Protein backbone atom coordinates (compact mmCIF):
# COMPACT_ATOMS: atom_id res chain seq x y z
CA UNK A 1 0.00 0.00 0.00
CA UNK A 2 1.33 3.43 -0.90
CA UNK A 3 1.71 5.76 2.03
CA UNK A 4 -0.13 9.02 1.64
CA UNK A 5 1.21 12.44 2.33
CA UNK A 6 -0.80 14.97 4.29
CA UNK A 7 -1.04 17.13 1.17
CA UNK A 8 -2.78 14.39 -0.85
CA UNK A 9 -5.89 14.49 1.29
CA UNK A 10 -6.90 17.25 3.70
CA UNK A 11 -7.84 14.80 6.49
CA UNK A 12 -6.05 11.50 5.88
CA UNK A 13 -7.27 8.53 7.89
CA UNK A 14 -4.70 6.93 10.21
CA UNK A 15 -5.38 3.52 8.66
CA UNK A 16 -4.33 4.79 5.24
CA UNK A 17 -0.69 4.80 6.43
CA UNK A 18 -0.67 1.14 7.52
CA UNK A 19 1.22 -1.08 7.77
CA UNK A 20 4.09 1.06 9.00
CA UNK A 21 7.69 0.21 8.26
CA UNK A 22 9.43 -1.04 11.42
CA UNK A 23 11.77 1.97 11.71
CA UNK A 24 8.88 4.43 11.30
CA UNK A 25 6.88 2.72 14.04
CA UNK A 26 9.84 2.90 16.42
CA UNK A 27 10.34 6.60 15.66
CA UNK A 28 6.67 7.36 16.38
CA UNK A 29 6.85 5.39 19.64
CA UNK A 30 9.97 7.32 20.64
CA UNK A 31 8.20 10.64 20.09
CA UNK A 32 4.99 9.54 21.84
CA UNK A 33 6.13 10.50 25.32
CA UNK A 34 8.34 13.54 24.65
CA UNK A 35 9.84 15.82 22.03
CA UNK A 36 13.26 14.65 20.89
CA UNK A 37 16.09 15.52 18.54
CA UNK A 38 17.30 12.94 16.05
CA UNK A 39 20.18 11.52 18.05
CA UNK A 40 17.90 11.18 21.08
CA UNK A 41 15.42 9.22 18.93
CA UNK A 42 18.23 6.85 17.86
CA UNK A 43 19.29 6.33 21.48
CA UNK A 44 15.73 5.83 22.71
CA UNK A 45 14.92 3.23 20.03
CA UNK A 46 18.09 1.29 20.83
CA UNK A 47 17.29 1.43 24.56
CA UNK A 48 13.60 0.47 24.20
CA UNK A 49 14.50 -2.50 22.02
CA UNK A 50 17.48 -3.62 24.13
CA UNK A 51 19.71 -2.95 21.13
CA UNK A 52 17.82 -5.18 18.69
CA UNK A 53 16.83 -2.17 16.58
CA UNK A 54 19.51 0.35 15.74
CA UNK A 55 18.67 3.19 13.40
CA UNK A 56 21.46 4.49 11.22
CA UNK A 57 21.60 8.26 10.81
CA UNK A 58 20.73 7.97 7.12
CA UNK A 59 17.68 5.76 7.70
CA UNK A 60 16.56 7.92 10.64
CA UNK A 61 16.76 11.21 8.78
CA UNK A 62 15.17 9.89 5.58
CA UNK A 63 12.30 8.52 7.70
CA UNK A 64 12.02 11.85 9.55
CA UNK A 65 11.84 13.69 6.21
CA UNK A 66 8.97 11.43 5.07
CA UNK A 67 7.17 11.75 8.42
CA UNK A 68 7.39 15.54 8.20
CA UNK A 69 6.00 15.48 4.64
CA UNK A 70 3.16 13.18 5.71
CA UNK A 71 2.28 15.39 8.68
CA UNK A 72 2.92 12.64 11.24
CA UNK A 73 5.57 14.64 13.06
CA UNK A 74 6.39 18.35 13.23
CA UNK A 75 9.68 20.13 13.66
CA UNK A 76 9.67 22.49 16.62
CA UNK A 77 10.82 26.06 16.30
CA UNK A 78 11.68 26.32 20.00
CA UNK A 79 14.40 24.29 21.72
CA UNK A 80 15.41 23.78 25.32
CA UNK A 81 17.52 26.53 26.86
CA UNK A 82 21.29 26.05 26.56
CA UNK A 83 20.90 23.36 23.91
CA UNK A 84 22.96 23.00 20.75
CA UNK A 85 21.32 25.32 18.22
CA UNK A 86 22.07 22.84 15.40
CA UNK A 87 19.73 20.23 16.89
CA UNK A 88 16.28 19.93 15.41
CA UNK A 89 13.52 18.79 17.72
CA UNK A 90 10.49 16.81 16.60
CA UNK A 91 7.04 16.24 18.05
CA UNK A 92 4.36 13.70 17.25
CA UNK A 93 1.31 15.37 15.67
CA UNK A 94 -2.25 14.33 16.49
CA UNK A 95 -2.33 12.50 13.14
CA UNK A 96 0.97 10.78 13.97
CA UNK A 97 -0.38 9.65 17.33
CA UNK A 98 -3.52 8.31 15.62
CA UNK A 99 -1.40 6.43 13.07
CA UNK A 100 0.78 4.90 15.81
CA UNK A 101 -2.34 3.87 17.75
CA UNK A 102 -3.88 2.35 14.61
CA UNK A 103 -0.68 0.37 14.03
CA UNK A 104 -0.75 -0.92 17.62
CA UNK A 105 -4.37 -2.05 17.12
CA UNK A 106 -3.35 -3.78 13.87
CA UNK A 107 -0.53 -5.59 15.69
CA UNK A 108 -2.87 -6.58 18.51
CA UNK A 109 -5.24 -8.13 15.94
CA UNK A 110 -2.35 -10.08 14.42
CA UNK A 111 -1.34 -11.38 17.85
CA UNK A 112 -4.94 -12.34 18.65
CA UNK A 113 -5.11 -14.33 15.42
CA UNK A 114 -1.82 -16.07 16.24
CA UNK A 115 -3.13 -16.95 19.73
CA UNK A 116 -6.37 -18.25 18.24
CA UNK A 117 -4.53 -20.81 16.12
CA UNK A 118 -2.10 -21.77 18.90
CA UNK A 119 1.03 -20.03 17.65
CA UNK A 120 1.19 -18.02 20.87
CA UNK A 121 0.11 -19.50 24.20
CA UNK A 122 -2.71 -17.78 26.09
CA UNK A 123 -1.58 -15.67 29.01
CA UNK A 124 1.91 -14.86 30.29
CA UNK A 125 4.69 -17.39 30.12
């Protein structure tokens, strides 16, 4: 499925962006609880995934460029006091939060189907 940009439709539906590429999902999750600059996103993703997902700078910044174009994240004009002025900070937009939530629901449905056919045991291990 082709991913839409915010300019293609005035009010894109979160489901129209699904399924999300793995890196994009991790970036949205990283921005869900606070504004971050790119390097902080890379560190957070590595920490949240216990090092199993490591974003390279090139993949991170190309994904950020697409997310900005799609309206899923926004670049902030303000930055924390005494911070490096070269850093760009990003924030999840309401559309971006809706897309991330839709992706989580999609994943939950996949897991429920896997449980239903016995691929995943019911309950905690």
